């Protein structure tokens, strides 16, 4: 469970970004060493490759995390309009995978699927298989 946030404990320090920066610094050291006559090209390229891999991985992780936040908000707004307050109260019991899967359900079937997801702990695949009237999502990254 994440630490309780407060003014003293609310900042986020992305560790993968630090890792990428270390590899970039190592690449810079190899380039400078190369200017000084040392053959460090292979090490420089190796560190540059690692920096690129970590940067791409970080970008993908951030993209999917942001997308999950958007999906959670989208579904919260959608379900608040479709469900009774009693039904909607169970929204916070859903896992992110369940919420993401429920977005494919039509308005007519989402109430029952959400109930089943909570009561039966249905997984993402089970929810998707249970959808009868599929609502496509062409904007997923």
C-alpha atoms as a PDB file:
ATOM      1  CA  UNK A   1       0.000   0.000   0.000  1.00  0.00           C
ATOM      2  CA  UNK A   2       1.400   3.441  -0.899  1.00  0.00           C
ATOM      3  CA  UNK A   3       2.505   5.739   1.881  1.00  0.00           C
ATOM      4  CA  UNK A   4      -0.096   8.273   3.026  1.00  0.00           C
ATOM      5  CA  UNK A   5       0.466  11.522   1.204  1.00  0.00           C
ATOM      6  CA  UNK A   6       1.051  14.849   2.880  1.00  0.00           C
ATOM      7  CA  UNK A   7       2.998  17.965   2.025  1.00  0.00           C
ATOM      8  CA  UNK A   8       6.181  16.260   3.220  1.00  0.00           C
ATOM      9  CA  UNK A   9       5.476  13.027   1.310  1.00  0.00           C
ATOM     10  CA  UNK A  10       3.766  13.842  -1.980  1.00  0.00           C
ATOM     11  CA  UNK A  11       6.508  14.182  -4.577  1.00  0.00           C
ATOM     12  CA  UNK A  12       7.271  11.462  -7.081  1.00  0.00           C
ATOM     13  CA  UNK A  13      10.819  10.629  -8.124  1.00  0.00           C
ATOM     14  CA  UNK A  14      10.825   8.520 -11.319  1.00  0.00           C
ATOM     15  CA  UNK A  15      13.615   6.002 -10.787  1.00  0.00           C
ATOM     16  CA  UNK A  16      13.758   4.877 -14.424  1.00  0.00           C
ATOM     17  CA  UNK A  17      14.452   8.444 -15.509  1.00  0.00           C
ATOM     18  CA  UNK A  18      17.436   8.524 -13.149  1.00  0.00           C
ATOM     19  CA  UNK A  19      18.658   5.234 -14.635  1.00  0.00           C
ATOM     20  CA  UNK A  20      18.403   6.650 -18.173  1.00  0.00           C
ATOM     21  CA  UNK A  21      20.309   9.755 -17.061  1.00  0.00           C
ATOM     22  CA  UNK A  22      23.098   7.606 -15.591  1.00  0.00           C
ATOM     23  CA  UNK A  23      23.440   5.765 -18.908  1.00  0.00           C
ATOM     24  CA  UNK A  24      23.477   9.080 -20.794  1.00  0.00           C
ATOM     25  CA  UNK A  25      26.209  10.359 -18.456  1.00  0.00           C
ATOM     26  CA  UNK A  26      28.217   7.170 -19.065  1.00  0.00           C
ATOM     27  CA  UNK A  27      27.775   7.737 -22.817  1.00  0.00           C
ATOM     28  CA  UNK A  28      29.056  11.303 -22.423  1.00  0.00           C
ATOM     29  CA  UNK A  29      32.093  10.051 -20.488  1.00  0.00           C
ATOM     30  CA  UNK A  30      32.839   7.569 -23.296  1.00  0.00           C
ATOM     31  CA  UNK A  31      32.525  10.318 -25.920  1.00  0.00           C
ATOM     32  CA  UNK A  32      34.891  12.603 -24.017  1.00  0.00           C
ATOM     33  CA  UNK A  33      37.312   9.703 -23.543  1.00  0.00           C
ATOM     34  CA  UNK A  34      37.111   9.098 -27.296  1.00  0.00           C
ATOM     35  CA  UNK A  35      38.095  12.721 -27.949  1.00  0.00           C
ATOM     36  CA  UNK A  36      41.095  12.139 -25.715  1.00  0.00           C
ATOM     37  CA  UNK A  37      42.280   9.273 -27.902  1.00  0.00           C
ATOM     38  CA  UNK A  38      40.846   6.274 -26.064  1.00  0.00           C
ATOM     39  CA  UNK A  39      38.832   3.731 -28.022  1.00  0.00           C
ATOM     40  CA  UNK A  40      35.549   3.756 -26.077  1.00  0.00           C
ATOM     41  CA  UNK A  41      33.144   3.742 -29.012  1.00  0.00           C
ATOM     42  CA  UNK A  42      31.691   0.321 -28.226  1.00  0.00           C
ATOM     43  CA  UNK A  43      31.046   1.286 -24.576  1.00  0.00           C
ATOM     44  CA  UNK A  44      29.532   4.602 -25.601  1.00  0.00           C
ATOM     45  CA  UNK A  45      27.171   2.895 -28.017  1.00  0.00           C
ATOM     46  CA  UNK A  46      26.289   0.288 -25.391  1.00  0.00           C
ATOM     47  CA  UNK A  47      25.391   2.925 -22.774  1.00  0.00           C
ATOM     48  CA  UNK A  48      23.490   4.953 -25.368  1.00  0.00           C
ATOM     49  CA  UNK A  49      21.489   1.848 -26.299  1.00  0.00           C
ATOM     50  CA  UNK A  50      20.662   1.223 -22.622  1.00  0.00           C
ATOM     51  CA  UNK A  51      19.609   4.858 -22.194  1.00  0.00           C
ATOM     52  CA  UNK A  52      17.297   4.629 -25.211  1.00  0.00           C
ATOM     53  CA  UNK A  53      15.771   1.337 -24.007  1.00  0.00           C
ATOM     54  CA  UNK A  54      15.096   2.720 -20.521  1.00  0.00           C
ATOM     55  CA  UNK A  55      13.674   5.959 -21.960  1.00  0.00           C
ATOM     56  CA  UNK A  56      11.310   4.095 -24.302  1.00  0.00           C
ATOM     57  CA  UNK A  57      10.239   1.769 -21.484  1.00  0.00           C
ATOM     58  CA  UNK A  58       9.596   4.751 -19.202  1.00  0.00           C
ATOM     59  CA  UNK A  59       7.525   6.458 -21.880  1.00  0.00           C
ATOM     60  CA  UNK A  60       5.407   3.344 -22.380  1.00  0.00           C
ATOM     61  CA  UNK A  61       4.867   2.873 -18.642  1.00  0.00           C
ATOM     62  CA  UNK A  62       3.827   6.514 -18.229  1.00  0.00           C
ATOM     63  CA  UNK A  63       1.513   6.336 -21.246  1.00  0.00           C
ATOM     64  CA  UNK A  64      -0.343   3.291 -19.944  1.00  0.00           C
ATOM     65  CA  UNK A  65      -0.520   4.684 -16.394  1.00  0.00           C
ATOM     66  CA  UNK A  66      -2.022   7.927 -17.717  1.00  0.00           C
ATOM     67  CA  UNK A  67      -4.405   5.987 -19.922  1.00  0.00           C
ATOM     68  CA  UNK A  68      -5.562   3.933 -16.927  1.00  0.00           C
ATOM     69  CA  UNK A  69      -6.268   7.142 -15.001  1.00  0.00           C
ATOM     70  CA  UNK A  70      -8.313   8.459 -17.917  1.00  0.00           C
ATOM     71  CA  UNK A  71     -10.246   5.192 -18.255  1.00  0.00           C
ATOM     72  CA  UNK A  72     -10.980   5.180 -14.509  1.00  0.00           C
ATOM     73  CA  UNK A  73     -12.318   8.748 -14.721  1.00  0.00           C
ATOM     74  CA  UNK A  74     -14.290   8.029 -17.899  1.00  0.00           C
ATOM     75  CA  UNK A  75     -15.917   4.964 -16.354  1.00  0.00           C
ATOM     76  CA  UNK A  76     -16.629   6.771 -13.090  1.00  0.00           C
ATOM     77  CA  UNK A  77     -18.512   9.492 -14.986  1.00  0.00           C
ATOM     78  CA  UNK A  78     -20.295   6.980 -17.230  1.00  0.00           C
ATOM     79  CA  UNK A  79     -21.354   4.671 -14.405  1.00  0.00           C
ATOM     80  CA  UNK A  80     -22.454   7.494 -12.131  1.00  0.00           C
ATOM     81  CA  UNK A  81     -24.997   8.430 -14.801  1.00  0.00           C
ATOM     82  CA  UNK A  82     -26.148   4.866 -15.483  1.00  0.00           C
ATOM     83  CA  UNK A  83     -26.278   3.283 -12.029  1.00  0.00           C
ATOM     84  CA  UNK A  84     -28.212   3.926  -8.871  1.00  0.00           C
ATOM     85  CA  UNK A  85     -26.202   5.354  -5.960  1.00  0.00           C
ATOM     86  CA  UNK A  86     -26.263   1.911  -4.299  1.00  0.00           C
ATOM     87  CA  UNK A  87     -24.913   0.219  -7.412  1.00  0.00           C
ATOM     88  CA  UNK A  88     -22.325   2.922  -8.011  1.00  0.00           C
ATOM     89  CA  UNK A  89     -21.058   2.569  -4.425  1.00  0.00           C
ATOM     90  CA  UNK A  90     -19.333  -0.679  -5.450  1.00  0.00           C
ATOM     91  CA  UNK A  91     -17.199   1.092  -8.080  1.00  0.00           C
ATOM     92  CA  UNK A  92     -14.283   1.529  -5.676  1.00  0.00           C
ATOM     93  CA  UNK A  93     -14.192  -2.243  -5.127  1.00  0.00           C
ATOM     94  CA  UNK A  94     -13.272  -2.832  -8.787  1.00  0.00           C
ATOM     95  CA  UNK A  95      -9.672  -3.407  -9.830  1.00  0.00           C
ATOM     96  CA  UNK A  96      -8.257  -1.399 -12.713  1.00  0.00           C
ATOM     97  CA  UNK A  97      -8.344  -4.397 -15.059  1.00  0.00           C
ATOM     98  CA  UNK A  98     -12.033  -4.900 -14.326  1.00  0.00           C
ATOM     99  CA  UNK A  99     -12.784  -1.230 -14.963  1.00  0.00           C
ATOM    100  CA  UNK A 100     -10.880  -1.334 -18.249  1.00  0.00           C
ATOM    101  CA  UNK A 101     -12.790  -4.441 -19.351  1.00  0.00           C
ATOM    102  CA  UNK A 102     -16.180  -3.024 -18.359  1.00  0.00           C
ATOM    103  CA  UNK A 103     -15.794  -0.109 -20.747  1.00  0.00           C
ATOM    104  CA  UNK A 104     -16.526  -2.484 -23.636  1.00  0.00           C
ATOM    105  CA  UNK A 105     -19.987  -3.319 -22.241  1.00  0.00           C
ATOM    106  CA  UNK A 106     -23.063  -1.541 -23.556  1.00  0.00           C
ATOM    107  CA  UNK A 107     -25.102   0.681 -21.245  1.00  0.00           C
ATOM    108  CA  UNK A 108     -27.825  -1.974 -21.057  1.00  0.00           C
ATOM    109  CA  UNK A 109     -25.556  -4.705 -19.680  1.00  0.00           C
ATOM    110  CA  UNK A 110     -22.941  -2.832 -17.685  1.00  0.00           C
ATOM    111  CA  UNK A 111     -24.902  -2.838 -14.418  1.00  0.00           C
ATOM    112  CA  UNK A 112     -25.174  -6.620 -14.309  1.00  0.00           C
ATOM    113  CA  UNK A 113     -21.581  -7.120 -15.440  1.00  0.00           C
ATOM    114  CA  UNK A 114     -20.305  -4.745 -12.797  1.00  0.00           C
ATOM    115  CA  UNK A 115     -22.276  -6.572 -10.110  1.00  0.00           C
ATOM    116  CA  UNK A 116     -20.847  -9.894 -11.273  1.00  0.00           C
ATOM    117  CA  UNK A 117     -17.327  -8.465 -11.475  1.00  0.00           C
ATOM    118  CA  UNK A 118     -17.510  -7.392  -7.830  1.00  0.00           C
ATOM    119  CA  UNK A 119     -19.351 -10.425  -6.430  1.00  0.00           C
ATOM    120  CA  UNK A 120     -17.565 -13.113  -8.448  1.00  0.00           C
ATOM    121  CA  UNK A 121     -14.178 -11.362  -8.698  1.00  0.00           C
ATOM    122  CA  UNK A 122     -14.300 -11.734 -12.463  1.00  0.00           C
ATOM    123  CA  UNK A 123     -11.051 -11.072 -14.250  1.00  0.00           C
ATOM    124  CA  UNK A 124     -10.556  -8.826 -17.231  1.00  0.00           C
ATOM    125  CA  UNK A 125     -10.893 -11.680 -19.745  1.00  0.00           C
ATOM    126  CA  UNK A 126     -14.006 -13.088 -18.075  1.00  0.00           C
ATOM    127  CA  UNK A 127     -15.698  -9.692 -18.216  1.00  0.00           C
ATOM    128  CA  UNK A 128     -14.799  -9.214 -21.879  1.00  0.00           C
ATOM    129  CA  UNK A 129     -16.100 -12.679 -22.757  1.00  0.00           C
ATOM    130  CA  UNK A 130     -19.385 -11.926 -20.966  1.00  0.00           C
ATOM    131  CA  UNK A 131     -20.028  -8.744 -22.977  1.00  0.00           C
ATOM    132  CA  UNK A 132     -22.883  -9.326 -25.415  1.00  0.00           C
ATOM    133  CA  UNK A 133     -23.095  -5.890 -27.067  1.00  0.00           C
ATOM    134  CA  UNK A 134     -19.512  -4.789 -27.590  1.00  0.00           C
ATOM    135  CA  UNK A 135     -18.695  -1.055 -27.488  1.00  0.00           C
ATOM    136  CA  UNK A 136     -15.380  -0.659 -29.347  1.00  0.00           C
ATOM    137  CA  UNK A 137     -12.472   1.444 -28.097  1.00  0.00           C
ATOM    138  CA  UNK A 138     -10.351   2.547 -31.058  1.00  0.00           C
ATOM    139  CA  UNK A 139      -8.346   5.089 -29.044  1.00  0.00           C
ATOM    140  CA  UNK A 140      -6.370   2.685 -26.811  1.00  0.00           C
ATOM    141  CA  UNK A 141      -2.615   3.260 -27.051  1.00  0.00           C
END
